[in-house]
Amino acid sequence: MPIYEYTCNSCGHKFEVLRKFEERDNPIECPSCKSSDTRREMSAFGTAKGSGSFGWSGTCGSPGSSRFG
């Protein structure tokens, strides 16, 4: 199951949730304020390039600016 990133429109809290692909756009409760007014965000993702290195792709940030690298 993929991990999706969400932002609460009520309090601005950003959080991640492990969900089935089919459930990604279903309403989800903010763990901070309990509002269901949330939106799914676009996420950066990693791909294996071989030799144990990872390449970063997506719309958030650039290589080297990832929180994972």
PDB file of N, CA and C in Angstrom:
ATOM      1  N   MET A   1       0.845  -1.186   0.000  1.00  0.00           N
ATOM      2  CA  MET A   1       0.000   0.000   0.000  1.00  0.00           C
ATOM      3  C   MET A   1       0.887   1.245   0.000  1.00  0.00           C
ATOM      4  N   PRO A   2       0.534   2.231  -0.788  1.00  0.00           N
ATOM      5  CA  PRO A   2       1.312   3.473  -0.824  1.00  0.00           C
ATOM      6  C   PRO A   2       1.029   4.379   0.374  1.00  0.00           C
ATOM      7  N   ILE A   3       1.971   5.251   0.637  1.00  0.00           N
ATOM      8  CA  ILE A   3       1.812   6.274   1.675  1.00  0.00           C
ATOM      9  C   ILE A   3       1.433   7.568   0.975  1.00  0.00           C
ATOM     10  N   TYR A   4       0.341   8.167   1.394  1.00  0.00           N
ATOM     11  CA  TYR A   4      -0.139   9.423   0.811  1.00  0.00           C
ATOM     12  C   TYR A   4       0.055  10.553   1.807  1.00  0.00           C
ATOM     13  N   GLU A   5       0.353  11.742   1.289  1.00  0.00           N
ATOM     14  CA  GLU A   5       0.502  12.940   2.115  1.00  0.00           C
ATOM     15  C   GLU A   5      -0.761  13.775   1.999  1.00  0.00           C
ATOM     16  N   TYR A   6      -1.209  14.287   3.133  1.00  0.00           N
ATOM     17  CA  TYR A   6      -2.414  15.106   3.196  1.00  0.00           C
ATOM     18  C   TYR A   6      -2.125  16.389   3.969  1.00  0.00           C
ATOM     19  N   THR A   7      -2.910  17.425   3.682  1.00  0.00           N
ATOM     20  CA  THR A   7      -2.862  18.676   4.425  1.00  0.00           C
ATOM     21  C   THR A   7      -4.276  18.997   4.877  1.00  0.00           C
ATOM     22  N   CYS A   8      -4.410  19.404   6.130  1.00  0.00           N
ATOM     23  CA  CYS A   8      -5.708  19.795   6.672  1.00  0.00           C
ATOM     24  C   CYS A   8      -6.005  21.238   6.267  1.00  0.00           C
ATOM     25  N   ASN A   9      -7.149  21.470   5.662  1.00  0.00           N
ATOM     26  CA  ASN A   9      -7.540  22.821   5.261  1.00  0.00           C
ATOM     27  C   ASN A   9      -7.976  23.661   6.460  1.00  0.00           C
ATOM     28  N   SER A  10      -8.301  23.020   7.573  1.00  0.00           N
ATOM     29  CA  SER A  10      -8.745  23.746   8.764  1.00  0.00           C
ATOM     30  C   SER A  10      -7.586  24.264   9.607  1.00  0.00           C
ATOM     31  N   CYS A  11      -6.597  23.384   9.892  1.00  0.00           N
ATOM     32  CA  CYS A  11      -5.512  23.800  10.798  1.00  0.00           C
ATOM     33  C   CYS A  11      -4.136  23.839  10.123  1.00  0.00           C
ATOM     34  N   GLY A  12      -4.031  23.345   8.879  1.00  0.00           N
ATOM     35  CA  GLY A  12      -2.763  23.386   8.161  1.00  0.00           C
ATOM     36  C   GLY A  12      -1.809  22.237   8.476  1.00  0.00           C
ATOM     37  N   HIS A  13      -2.225  21.313   9.342  1.00  0.00           N
ATOM     38  CA  HIS A  13      -1.383  20.173   9.716  1.00  0.00           C
ATOM     39  C   HIS A  13      -1.131  19.282   8.502  1.00  0.00           C
ATOM     40  N   LYS A  14       0.141  18.873   8.299  1.00  0.00           N
ATOM     41  CA  LYS A  14       0.495  17.949   7.227  1.00  0.00           C
ATOM     42  C   LYS A  14       0.760  16.584   7.840  1.00  0.00           C
ATOM     43  N   PHE A  15       0.226  15.530   7.208  1.00  0.00           N
ATOM     44  CA  PHE A  15       0.387  14.190   7.755  1.00  0.00           C
ATOM     45  C   PHE A  15       0.405  13.163   6.628  1.00  0.00           C
ATOM     46  N   GLU A  16       0.917  11.975   6.939  1.00  0.00           N
ATOM     47  CA  GLU A  16       1.008  10.885   5.978  1.00  0.00           C
ATOM     48  C   GLU A  16       0.143   9.724   6.449  1.00  0.00           C
ATOM     49  N   VAL A  17      -0.445   9.010   5.467  1.00  0.00           N
ATOM     50  CA  VAL A  17      -1.316   7.885   5.784  1.00  0.00           C
ATOM     51  C   VAL A  17      -1.032   6.750   4.805  1.00  0.00           C
ATOM     52  N   LEU A  18      -0.925   5.536   5.331  1.00  0.00           N
ATOM     53  CA  LEU A  18      -0.785   4.332   4.529  1.00  0.00           C
ATOM     54  C   LEU A  18      -2.188   3.885   4.149  1.00  0.00           C
ATOM     55  N   ARG A  19      -2.510   3.963   2.838  1.00  0.00           N
ATOM     56  CA  ARG A  19      -3.868   3.648   2.387  1.00  0.00           C
ATOM     57  C   ARG A  19      -3.842   2.857   1.097  1.00  0.00           C
ATOM     58  N   LYS A  20      -4.924   2.149   0.837  1.00  0.00           N
ATOM     59  CA  LYS A  20      -5.097   1.474  -0.440  1.00  0.00           C
ATOM     60  C   LYS A  20      -5.255   2.527  -1.541  1.00  0.00           C
ATOM     61  N   PHE A  21      -4.816   2.189  -2.740  1.00  0.00           N
ATOM     62  CA  PHE A  21      -4.927   3.090  -3.889  1.00  0.00           C
ATOM     63  C   PHE A  21      -6.371   3.543  -4.087  1.00  0.00           C
ATOM     64  N   GLU A  22      -7.316   2.620  -3.954  1.00  0.00           N
ATOM     65  CA  GLU A  22      -8.733   2.930  -4.182  1.00  0.00           C
ATOM     66  C   GLU A  22      -9.285   3.920  -3.155  1.00  0.00           C
ATOM     67  N   GLU A  23      -8.627   4.043  -2.004  1.00  0.00           N
ATOM     68  CA  GLU A  23      -9.113   4.902  -0.917  1.00  0.00           C
ATOM     69  C   GLU A  23      -8.428   6.266  -0.878  1.00  0.00           C
ATOM     70  N   ARG A  24      -7.490   6.524  -1.793  1.00  0.00           N
ATOM     71  CA  ARG A  24      -6.640   7.714  -1.695  1.00  0.00           C
ATOM     72  C   ARG A  24      -7.407   9.029  -1.674  1.00  0.00           C
ATOM     73  N   ASP A  25      -8.554   9.106  -2.361  1.00  0.00           N
ATOM     74  CA  ASP A  25      -9.314  10.360  -2.415  1.00  0.00           C
ATOM     75  C   ASP A  25     -10.511  10.392  -1.474  1.00  0.00           C
ATOM     76  N   ASN A  26     -10.711   9.320  -0.712  1.00  0.00           N
ATOM     77  CA  ASN A  26     -11.801   9.304   0.272  1.00  0.00           C
ATOM     78  C   ASN A  26     -11.478  10.290   1.393  1.00  0.00           C
ATOM     79  N   PRO A  27     -12.504  10.895   1.994  1.00  0.00           N
ATOM     80  CA  PRO A  27     -12.250  11.811   3.117  1.00  0.00           C
ATOM     81  C   PRO A  27     -11.469  11.109   4.223  1.00  0.00           C
ATOM     82  N   ILE A  28     -10.572  11.856   4.855  1.00  0.00           N
ATOM     83  CA  ILE A  28      -9.789  11.318   5.962  1.00  0.00           C
ATOM     84  C   ILE A  28      -9.710  12.382   7.056  1.00  0.00           C
ATOM     85  N   GLU A  29      -9.743  11.948   8.287  1.00  0.00           N
ATOM     86  CA  GLU A  29      -9.741  12.861   9.426  1.00  0.00           C
ATOM     87  C   GLU A  29      -8.331  13.325   9.767  1.00  0.00           C
ATOM     88  N   CYS A  30      -8.179  14.611  10.015  1.00  0.00           N
ATOM     89  CA  CYS A  30      -6.906  15.178  10.459  1.00  0.00           C
ATOM     90  C   CYS A  30      -6.610  14.667  11.871  1.00  0.00           C
ATOM     91  N   PRO A  31      -5.415  14.109  12.090  1.00  0.00           N
ATOM     92  CA  PRO A  31      -5.094  13.606  13.431  1.00  0.00           C
ATOM     93  C   PRO A  31      -4.908  14.725  14.461  1.00  0.00           C
ATOM     94  N   SER A  32      -4.728  15.952  13.993  1.00  0.00           N
ATOM     95  CA  SER A  32      -4.500  17.069  14.906  1.00  0.00           C
ATOM     96  C   SER A  32      -5.798  17.706  15.395  1.00  0.00           C
ATOM     97  N   CYS A  33      -6.682  18.073  14.446  1.00  0.00           N
ATOM     98  CA  CYS A  33      -7.904  18.799  14.837  1.00  0.00           C
ATOM     99  C   CYS A  33      -9.186  18.012  14.588  1.00  0.00           C
ATOM    100  N   LYS A  34      -9.071  16.817  14.010  1.00  0.00           N
ATOM    101  CA  LYS A  34     -10.201  15.913  13.750  1.00  0.00           C
ATOM    102  C   LYS A  34     -11.126  16.394  12.628  1.00  0.00           C
ATOM    103  N   SER A  35     -10.743  17.422  11.873  1.00  0.00           N
ATOM    104  CA  SER A  35     -11.538  17.889  10.739  1.00  0.00           C
ATOM    105  C   SER A  35     -11.402  16.895   9.589  1.00  0.00           C
ATOM    106  N   SER A  36     -12.440  16.755   8.786  1.00  0.00           N
ATOM    107  CA  SER A  36     -12.348  15.912   7.594  1.00  0.00           C
ATOM    108  C   SER A  36     -12.146  16.762   6.336  1.00  0.00           C
ATOM    109  N   ASP A  37     -11.889  18.053   6.525  1.00  0.00           N
ATOM    110  CA  ASP A  37     -11.618  18.969   5.411  1.00  0.00           C
ATOM    111  C   ASP A  37     -10.126  18.911   5.088  1.00  0.00           C
ATOM    112  N   THR A  38      -9.717  17.844   4.403  1.00  0.00           N
ATOM    113  CA  THR A  38      -8.313  17.616   4.086  1.00  0.00           C
ATOM    114  C   THR A  38      -8.140  17.456   2.583  1.00  0.00           C
ATOM    115  N   ARG A  39      -6.907  17.610   2.109  1.00  0.00           N
ATOM    116  CA  ARG A  39      -6.615  17.406   0.692  1.00  0.00           C
ATOM    117  C   ARG A  39      -5.342  16.582   0.540  1.00  0.00           C
ATOM    118  N   ARG A  40      -5.319  15.752  -0.501  1.00  0.00           N
ATOM    119  CA  ARG A  40      -4.144  14.933  -0.790  1.00  0.00           C
ATOM    120  C   ARG A  40      -3.144  15.789  -1.559  1.00  0.00           C
ATOM    121  N   GLU A  41      -1.885  15.696  -1.177  1.00  0.00           N
ATOM    122  CA  GLU A  41      -0.810  16.468  -1.805  1.00  0.00           C
ATOM    123  C   GLU A  41      -0.037  15.609  -2.796  1.00  0.00           C
ATOM    124  N   MET A  42       0.637  16.252  -3.722  1.00  0.00           N
ATOM    125  CA  MET A  42       1.558  15.558  -4.612  1.00  0.00           C
ATOM    126  C   MET A  42       2.846  15.316  -3.839  1.00  0.00           C
ATOM    127  N   SER A  43       3.427  14.150  -4.012  1.00  0.00           N
ATOM    128  CA  SER A  43       4.621  13.773  -3.269  1.00  0.00           C
ATOM    129  C   SER A  43       5.785  13.499  -4.201  1.00  0.00           C
ATOM    130  N   ALA A  44       6.993  13.732  -3.688  1.00  0.00           N
ATOM    131  CA  ALA A  44       8.192  13.292  -4.391  1.00  0.00           C
ATOM    132  C   ALA A  44       8.329  11.792  -4.131  1.00  0.00           C
ATOM    133  N   PHE A  45       8.998  11.102  -5.042  1.00  0.00           N
ATOM    134  CA  PHE A  45       9.182   9.679  -4.835  1.00  0.00           C
ATOM    135  C   PHE A  45      10.559   9.265  -5.321  1.00  0.00           C
ATOM    136  N   GLY A  46      11.044   8.160  -4.798  1.00  0.00           N
ATOM    137  CA  GLY A  46      12.370   7.667  -5.150  1.00  0.00           C
ATOM    138  C   GLY A  46      12.283   6.464  -6.065  1.00  0.00           C
ATOM    139  N   THR A  47      13.270   6.328  -6.937  1.00  0.00           N
ATOM    140  CA  THR A  47      13.367   5.169  -7.806  1.00  0.00           C
ATOM    141  C   THR A  47      14.774   4.615  -7.714  1.00  0.00           C
ATOM    142  N   ALA A  48      14.895   3.310  -7.725  1.00  0.00           N
ATOM    143  CA  ALA A  48      16.220   2.686  -7.655  1.00  0.00           C
ATOM    144  C   ALA A  48      16.933   2.839  -8.992  1.00  0.00           C
ATOM    145  N   LYS A  49      18.207   3.223  -8.959  1.00  0.00           N
ATOM    146  CA  LYS A  49      19.012   3.364 -10.163  1.00  0.00           C
ATOM    147  C   LYS A  49      20.051   2.260 -10.277  1.00  0.00           C
ATOM    148  N   GLY A  50      20.129   1.392  -9.284  1.00  0.00           N
ATOM    149  CA  GLY A  50      21.149   0.358  -9.278  1.00  0.00           C
ATOM    150  C   GLY A  50      22.316   0.790  -8.417  1.00  0.00           C
ATOM    151  N   SER A  51      23.177  -0.141  -8.081  1.00  0.00           N
ATOM    152  CA  SER A  51      24.363   0.119  -7.261  1.00  0.00           C
ATOM    153  C   SER A  51      24.019   0.740  -5.911  1.00  0.00           C
ATOM    154  N   GLY A  52      22.791   0.538  -5.435  1.00  0.00           N
ATOM    155  CA  GLY A  52      22.414   1.045  -4.123  1.00  0.00           C
ATOM    156  C   GLY A  52      22.114   2.532  -4.073  1.00  0.00           C
ATOM    157  N   SER A  53      22.120   3.223  -5.211  1.00  0.00           N
ATOM    158  CA  SER A  53      21.823   4.662  -5.199  1.00  0.00           C
ATOM    159  C   SER A  53      20.363   4.881  -5.572  1.00  0.00           C
ATOM    160  N   PHE A  54      19.857   6.020  -5.200  1.00  0.00           N
ATOM    161  CA  PHE A  54      18.471   6.346  -5.499  1.00  0.00           C
ATOM    162  C   PHE A  54      18.416   7.658  -6.246  1.00  0.00           C
ATOM    163  N   GLY A  55      17.506   7.738  -7.216  1.00  0.00           N
ATOM    164  CA  GLY A  55      17.254   8.978  -7.930  1.00  0.00           C
ATOM    165  C   GLY A  55      15.937   9.538  -7.447  1.00  0.00           C
ATOM    166  N   TRP A  56      15.851  10.822  -7.314  1.00  0.00           N
ATOM    167  CA  TRP A  56      14.626  11.431  -6.805  1.00  0.00           C
ATOM    168  C   TRP A  56      13.874  12.062  -7.945  1.00  0.00           C
ATOM    169  N   SER A  57      12.554  11.847  -7.935  1.00  0.00           N
ATOM    170  CA  SER A  57      11.712  12.330  -9.000  1.00  0.00           C
ATOM    171  C   SER A  57      10.438  12.888  -8.387  1.00  0.00           C
ATOM    172  N   GLY A  58       9.737  13.705  -9.113  1.00  0.00           N
ATOM    173  CA  GLY A  58       8.477  14.227  -8.609  1.00  0.00           C
ATOM    174  C   GLY A  58       8.443  15.734  -8.700  1.00  0.00           C
ATOM    175  N   THR A  59       7.483  16.353  -8.038  1.00  0.00           N
ATOM    176  CA  THR A  59       7.281  17.783  -8.171  1.00  0.00           C
ATOM    177  C   THR A  59       7.738  18.579  -6.955  1.00  0.00           C
ATOM    178  N   CYS A  60       8.117  17.917  -5.876  1.00  0.00           N
ATOM    179  CA  CYS A  60       8.459  18.620  -4.641  1.00  0.00           C
ATOM    180  C   CYS A  60       9.961  18.638  -4.436  1.00  0.00           C
ATOM    181  N   GLY A  61      10.587  19.769  -4.612  1.00  0.00           N
ATOM    182  CA  GLY A  61      12.010  19.888  -4.337  1.00  0.00           C
ATOM    183  C   GLY A  61      12.882  19.394  -5.480  1.00  0.00           C
ATOM    184  N   SER A  62      14.153  19.320  -5.203  1.00  0.00           N
ATOM    185  CA  SER A  62      15.120  18.902  -6.189  1.00  0.00           C
ATOM    186  C   SER A  62      16.052  17.889  -5.561  1.00  0.00           C
ATOM    187  N   PRO A  63      16.860  17.191  -6.371  1.00  0.00           N
ATOM    188  CA  PRO A  63      17.783  16.225  -5.784  1.00  0.00           C
ATOM    189  C   PRO A  63      18.644  16.877  -4.726  1.00  0.00           C
ATOM    190  N   GLY A  64      18.821  16.189  -3.635  1.00  0.00           N
ATOM    191  CA  GLY A  64      19.621  16.726  -2.540  1.00  0.00           C
ATOM    192  C   GLY A  64      18.801  17.520  -1.526  1.00  0.00           C
ATOM    193  N   SER A  65      17.591  17.947  -1.899  1.00  0.00           N
ATOM    194  CA  SER A  65      16.778  18.702  -0.948  1.00  0.00           C
ATOM    195  C   SER A  65      15.733  17.823  -0.291  1.00  0.00           C
ATOM    196  N   SER A  66      15.729  16.544  -0.620  1.00  0.00           N
ATOM    197  CA  SER A  66      14.744  15.631  -0.066  1.00  0.00           C
ATOM    198  C   SER A  66      15.019  15.337   1.400  1.00  0.00           C
ATOM    199  N   ARG A  67      13.976  15.088   2.158  1.00  0.00           N
ATOM    200  CA  ARG A  67      14.142  14.734   3.563  1.00  0.00           C
ATOM    201  C   ARG A  67      14.656  13.316   3.699  1.00  0.00           C
ATOM    202  N   PHE A  68      14.705  12.568   2.600  1.00  0.00           N
ATOM    203  CA  PHE A  68      15.179  11.190   2.636  1.00  0.00           C
ATOM    204  C   PHE A  68      16.615  11.056   2.184  1.00  0.00           C
ATOM    205  N   GLY A  69      17.218  12.094   1.622  1.00  0.00           N
ATOM    206  CA  GLY A  69      18.548  11.943   1.042  1.00  0.00           C
ATOM    207  C   GLY A  69      19.588  12.752   1.650  1.00  0.00           C
TER     208      GLY A  69
END
